[in-house]
Amino acid sequence: MDLINKKQIRFLAAFFIGFLAFSISASSEKRSVKAQNEITGEWTADFKSADFGKKHITFLRRSTRHGLRTEGISLSPNELQNLIRQAASTAKTAVNFSIEREAGTFEIEGFVREGKGAGFWKLIPSQNFVSAMHARGYENLTDEDLFSAAIGN
């Protein structure tokens, strides 16, 4: 009687091949996160709503690891001065603006109409921020870490 039959050998071979493929995939995803220079997503806003004069922008970010993530920030009008004038227009208007944070700069483009806007954003991480965090012992910051830091400022 054989200790291991052919079915068991095929099962073990398939298991190890699957495990190896998963390991390679997971390590390549980690490498791509570290190598990525910009983080991207979409945004929406309703500039007509006022919360003590602040304007609220919602950032949407999709990732294979975390699915869909939404985060919002409230900004004073002087942080979006040119945008607020454009957002008041009733006509559809293209906009490009940026929001500077310690962790990086959001470069934002899209359209506004009647105080509502939507479009795309990209976050350019600050190398000074990454270096400062590295000096404090926070090595290997992921895209999610940088996005969270930029949102939280």
C-alpha atoms as a PDB file:
ATOM      1  CA  MET A   1       0.000   0.000   0.000  1.00  0.00           C
ATOM      2  CA  ASP A   2       1.399   3.394  -1.026  1.00  0.00           C
ATOM      3  CA  LEU A   3       1.727   6.025   1.713  1.00  0.00           C
ATOM      4  CA  ILE A   4       0.629   8.778  -0.672  1.00  0.00           C
ATOM      5  CA  ASN A   5      -1.575   8.054  -3.669  1.00  0.00           C
ATOM      6  CA  LYS A   6      -1.690   9.984  -6.961  1.00  0.00           C
ATOM      7  CA  LYS A   7      -4.693  12.110  -5.916  1.00  0.00           C
ATOM      8  CA  GLN A   8      -2.904  13.274  -2.804  1.00  0.00           C
ATOM      9  CA  ILE A   9       0.225  14.105  -4.803  1.00  0.00           C
ATOM     10  CA  ARG A  10      -1.827  16.184  -7.268  1.00  0.00           C
ATOM     11  CA  PHE A  11      -3.592  17.949  -4.407  1.00  0.00           C
ATOM     12  CA  LEU A  12      -0.306  18.798  -2.665  1.00  0.00           C
ATOM     13  CA  ALA A  13       1.258  19.979  -5.940  1.00  0.00           C
ATOM     14  CA  ALA A  14      -1.763  22.210  -6.674  1.00  0.00           C
ATOM     15  CA  PHE A  15      -1.702  23.559  -3.116  1.00  0.00           C
ATOM     16  CA  PHE A  16       1.992  24.493  -3.261  1.00  0.00           C
ATOM     17  CA  ILE A  17       1.654  26.051  -6.718  1.00  0.00           C
ATOM     18  CA  GLY A  18      -1.310  28.132  -5.501  1.00  0.00           C
ATOM     19  CA  PHE A  19       0.565  29.143  -2.359  1.00  0.00           C
ATOM     20  CA  LEU A  20       3.613  30.150  -4.398  1.00  0.00           C
ATOM     21  CA  ALA A  21       1.487  32.169  -6.839  1.00  0.00           C
ATOM     22  CA  PHE A  22      -0.244  33.968  -3.940  1.00  0.00           C
ATOM     23  CA  SER A  23       3.108  34.761  -2.286  1.00  0.00           C
ATOM     24  CA  ILE A  24       4.531  36.201  -5.491  1.00  0.00           C
ATOM     25  CA  SER A  25       1.381  38.259  -6.094  1.00  0.00           C
ATOM     26  CA  ALA A  26       1.358  39.637  -2.537  1.00  0.00           C
ATOM     27  CA  SER A  27       5.022  40.600  -2.604  1.00  0.00           C
ATOM     28  CA  SER A  28       4.725  42.292  -6.005  1.00  0.00           C
ATOM     29  CA  GLU A  29       1.726  44.315  -4.733  1.00  0.00           C
ATOM     30  CA  LYS A  30       3.818  45.522  -1.766  1.00  0.00           C
ATOM     31  CA  ARG A  31       6.649  46.492  -4.110  1.00  0.00           C
ATOM     32  CA  SER A  32       4.316  48.446  -6.385  1.00  0.00           C
ATOM     33  CA  VAL A  33       2.897  50.369  -3.411  1.00  0.00           C
ATOM     34  CA  LYS A  34       6.376  51.516  -2.365  1.00  0.00           C
ATOM     35  CA  ALA A  35       7.359  52.433  -5.928  1.00  0.00           C
ATOM     36  CA  GLN A  36       4.231  54.452  -6.708  1.00  0.00           C
ATOM     37  CA  ASN A  37       4.800  58.203  -6.824  1.00  0.00           C
ATOM     38  CA  GLU A  38       1.220  59.412  -6.887  1.00  0.00           C
ATOM     39  CA  ILE A  39      -2.036  58.230  -5.388  1.00  0.00           C
ATOM     40  CA  THR A  40      -5.277  58.808  -7.306  1.00  0.00           C
ATOM     41  CA  GLY A  41      -9.038  58.861  -6.907  1.00  0.00           C
ATOM     42  CA  GLU A  42     -12.213  60.867  -7.459  1.00  0.00           C
ATOM     43  CA  TRP A  43     -13.795  63.763  -5.589  1.00  0.00           C
ATOM     44  CA  THR A  44     -17.208  65.337  -5.108  1.00  0.00           C
ATOM     45  CA  ALA A  45     -18.241  68.537  -3.383  1.00  0.00           C
ATOM     46  CA  ASP A  46     -21.219  70.752  -2.659  1.00  0.00           C
ATOM     47  CA  PHE A  47     -19.782  74.220  -2.300  1.00  0.00           C
ATOM     48  CA  LYS A  48     -23.170  75.786  -1.597  1.00  0.00           C
ATOM     49  CA  SER A  49     -23.488  74.059   1.759  1.00  0.00           C
ATOM     50  CA  ALA A  50     -21.816  76.003   4.520  1.00  0.00           C
ATOM     51  CA  ASP A  51     -20.569  74.684   7.835  1.00  0.00           C
ATOM     52  CA  PHE A  52     -19.427  77.854   9.594  1.00  0.00           C
ATOM     53  CA  GLY A  53     -17.999  79.097   6.297  1.00  0.00           C
ATOM     54  CA  LYS A  54     -16.098  75.900   5.520  1.00  0.00           C
ATOM     55  CA  LYS A  55     -16.437  73.967   2.281  1.00  0.00           C
ATOM     56  CA  HIS A  56     -16.518  70.185   2.308  1.00  0.00           C
ATOM     57  CA  ILE A  57     -14.829  67.946  -0.263  1.00  0.00           C
ATOM     58  CA  THR A  58     -15.242  64.166  -0.298  1.00  0.00           C
ATOM     59  CA  PHE A  59     -12.379  62.060  -1.617  1.00  0.00           C
ATOM     60  CA  LEU A  60     -13.019  58.575  -2.975  1.00  0.00           C
ATOM     61  CA  ARG A  61     -10.168  56.099  -3.286  1.00  0.00           C
ATOM     62  CA  ARG A  62     -10.296  52.585  -4.676  1.00  0.00           C
ATOM     63  CA  SER A  63      -7.654  49.995  -3.889  1.00  0.00           C
ATOM     64  CA  THR A  64      -7.466  46.265  -4.422  1.00  0.00           C
ATOM     65  CA  ARG A  65      -6.568  45.748  -0.797  1.00  0.00           C
ATOM     66  CA  HIS A  66      -9.064  48.075   0.940  1.00  0.00           C
ATOM     67  CA  GLY A  67     -11.905  48.371  -1.572  1.00  0.00           C
ATOM     68  CA  LEU A  68     -13.673  51.751  -1.717  1.00  0.00           C
ATOM     69  CA  ARG A  69     -12.711  54.321   0.877  1.00  0.00           C
ATOM     70  CA  THR A  70     -14.321  57.748   1.285  1.00  0.00           C
ATOM     71  CA  GLU A  71     -12.867  60.557   3.355  1.00  0.00           C
ATOM     72  CA  GLY A  72     -14.001  64.131   3.693  1.00  0.00           C
ATOM     73  CA  ILE A  73     -12.224  67.317   4.652  1.00  0.00           C
ATOM     74  CA  SER A  74     -13.583  70.768   5.406  1.00  0.00           C
ATOM     75  CA  LEU A  75     -11.590  73.721   4.154  1.00  0.00           C
ATOM     76  CA  SER A  76     -11.890  77.433   4.637  1.00  0.00           C
ATOM     77  CA  PRO A  77     -12.764  79.469   1.537  1.00  0.00           C
ATOM     78  CA  ASN A  78      -9.304  81.084   1.476  1.00  0.00           C
ATOM     79  CA  GLU A  79      -7.811  77.617   0.903  1.00  0.00           C
ATOM     80  CA  LEU A  80     -10.040  77.362  -2.196  1.00  0.00           C
ATOM     81  CA  GLN A  81     -10.425  81.028  -3.104  1.00  0.00           C
ATOM     82  CA  ASN A  82     -10.260  80.724  -6.892  1.00  0.00           C
ATOM     83  CA  LEU A  83     -12.403  77.636  -6.863  1.00  0.00           C
ATOM     84  CA  ILE A  84     -15.209  79.183  -4.810  1.00  0.00           C
ATOM     85  CA  ARG A  85     -15.653  81.985  -7.374  1.00  0.00           C
ATOM     86  CA  GLN A  86     -15.813  79.418 -10.185  1.00  0.00           C
ATOM     87  CA  ALA A  87     -18.179  77.169  -8.209  1.00  0.00           C
ATOM     88  CA  ALA A  88     -20.733  79.957  -7.944  1.00  0.00           C
ATOM     89  CA  SER A  89     -21.204  79.919 -11.722  1.00  0.00           C
ATOM     90  CA  THR A  90     -24.412  78.412 -13.064  1.00  0.00           C
ATOM     91  CA  ALA A  91     -22.616  77.237 -16.210  1.00  0.00           C
ATOM     92  CA  LYS A  92     -20.549  74.066 -16.239  1.00  0.00           C
ATOM     93  CA  THR A  93     -16.981  75.219 -15.582  1.00  0.00           C
ATOM     94  CA  ALA A  94     -13.720  73.249 -15.713  1.00  0.00           C
ATOM     95  CA  VAL A  95     -11.592  73.626 -12.583  1.00  0.00           C
ATOM     96  CA  ASN A  96      -8.018  72.836 -11.619  1.00  0.00           C
ATOM     97  CA  PHE A  97      -6.824  73.556  -8.101  1.00  0.00           C
ATOM     98  CA  SER A  98      -4.565  72.120  -5.454  1.00  0.00           C
ATOM     99  CA  ILE A  99      -4.717  71.574  -1.724  1.00  0.00           C
ATOM    100  CA  GLU A 100      -1.371  71.588   0.051  1.00  0.00           C
ATOM    101  CA  ARG A 101      -0.937  69.392   3.102  1.00  0.00           C
ATOM    102  CA  GLU A 102       2.129  68.433   5.110  1.00  0.00           C
ATOM    103  CA  ALA A 103       2.073  64.879   3.705  1.00  0.00           C
ATOM    104  CA  GLY A 104       1.702  66.025   0.105  1.00  0.00           C
ATOM    105  CA  THR A 105      -0.278  68.043  -2.409  1.00  0.00           C
ATOM    106  CA  PHE A 106      -3.665  67.099  -3.831  1.00  0.00           C
ATOM    107  CA  GLU A 107      -3.854  68.163  -7.479  1.00  0.00           C
ATOM    108  CA  ILE A 108      -7.518  68.325  -8.375  1.00  0.00           C
ATOM    109  CA  GLU A 109      -9.300  68.673 -11.697  1.00  0.00           C
ATOM    110  CA  GLY A 110     -12.909  68.412 -12.707  1.00  0.00           C
ATOM    111  CA  PHE A 111     -16.036  70.446 -13.255  1.00  0.00           C
ATOM    112  CA  VAL A 112     -18.365  72.559 -11.143  1.00  0.00           C
ATOM    113  CA  ARG A 113     -21.869  73.687 -11.889  1.00  0.00           C
ATOM    114  CA  GLU A 114     -24.276  75.523  -9.629  1.00  0.00           C
ATOM    115  CA  GLY A 115     -22.040  74.975  -6.614  1.00  0.00           C
ATOM    116  CA  LYS A 116     -21.579  71.231  -7.068  1.00  0.00           C
ATOM    117  CA  GLY A 117     -18.410  69.644  -8.339  1.00  0.00           C
ATOM    118  CA  ALA A 118     -16.812  66.336  -9.233  1.00  0.00           C
ATOM    119  CA  GLY A 119     -13.693  65.062 -10.886  1.00  0.00           C
ATOM    120  CA  PHE A 120     -10.372  63.385 -10.289  1.00  0.00           C
ATOM    121  CA  TRP A 121      -7.518  63.984  -7.850  1.00  0.00           C
ATOM    122  CA  LYS A 122      -3.981  62.811  -7.417  1.00  0.00           C
ATOM    123  CA  LEU A 123      -1.858  63.100  -4.309  1.00  0.00           C
ATOM    124  CA  ILE A 124       1.814  63.856  -4.841  1.00  0.00           C
ATOM    125  CA  PRO A 125       3.483  62.724  -1.591  1.00  0.00           C
ATOM    126  CA  SER A 126       5.963  65.130   0.006  1.00  0.00           C
ATOM    127  CA  GLN A 127       9.437  63.616   0.080  1.00  0.00           C
ATOM    128  CA  ASN A 128      10.230  65.864   3.068  1.00  0.00           C
ATOM    129  CA  PHE A 129       7.305  64.321   4.950  1.00  0.00           C
ATOM    130  CA  VAL A 130       8.363  60.778   4.015  1.00  0.00           C
ATOM    131  CA  SER A 131      11.949  61.522   5.141  1.00  0.00           C
ATOM    132  CA  ALA A 132      10.775  63.052   8.418  1.00  0.00           C
ATOM    133  CA  MET A 133       8.575  60.032   9.149  1.00  0.00           C
ATOM    134  CA  HIS A 134      11.466  57.710   8.274  1.00  0.00           C
ATOM    135  CA  ALA A 135      13.684  59.590  10.765  1.00  0.00           C
ATOM    136  CA  ARG A 136      11.008  58.991  13.429  1.00  0.00           C
ATOM    137  CA  GLY A 137      11.080  55.254  12.750  1.00  0.00           C
ATOM    138  CA  TYR A 138       8.131  55.019  10.342  1.00  0.00           C
ATOM    139  CA  GLU A 139       9.684  53.198   7.428  1.00  0.00           C
ATOM    140  CA  ASN A 140       7.815  51.656   4.493  1.00  0.00           C
ATOM    141  CA  LEU A 141       4.857  54.043   4.451  1.00  0.00           C
ATOM    142  CA  THR A 142       2.114  52.683   2.201  1.00  0.00           C
ATOM    143  CA  ASP A 143      -0.174  54.643  -0.109  1.00  0.00           C
ATOM    144  CA  GLU A 144      -2.919  54.253   2.502  1.00  0.00           C
ATOM    145  CA  ASP A 145      -0.642  55.723   5.198  1.00  0.00           C
ATOM    146  CA  LEU A 146       0.209  58.721   3.017  1.00  0.00           C
ATOM    147  CA  PHE A 147      -3.418  59.250   1.975  1.00  0.00           C
ATOM    148  CA  SER A 148      -4.550  59.146   5.626  1.00  0.00           C
ATOM    149  CA  ALA A 149      -1.824  61.586   6.657  1.00  0.00           C
ATOM    150  CA  ALA A 150      -2.759  64.016   3.877  1.00  0.00           C
ATOM    151  CA  ILE A 151      -6.465  63.868   4.710  1.00  0.00           C
ATOM    152  CA  GLY A 152      -5.806  64.351   8.431  1.00  0.00           C
ATOM    153  CA  ASN A 153      -3.095  66.963   7.799  1.00  0.00           C
END
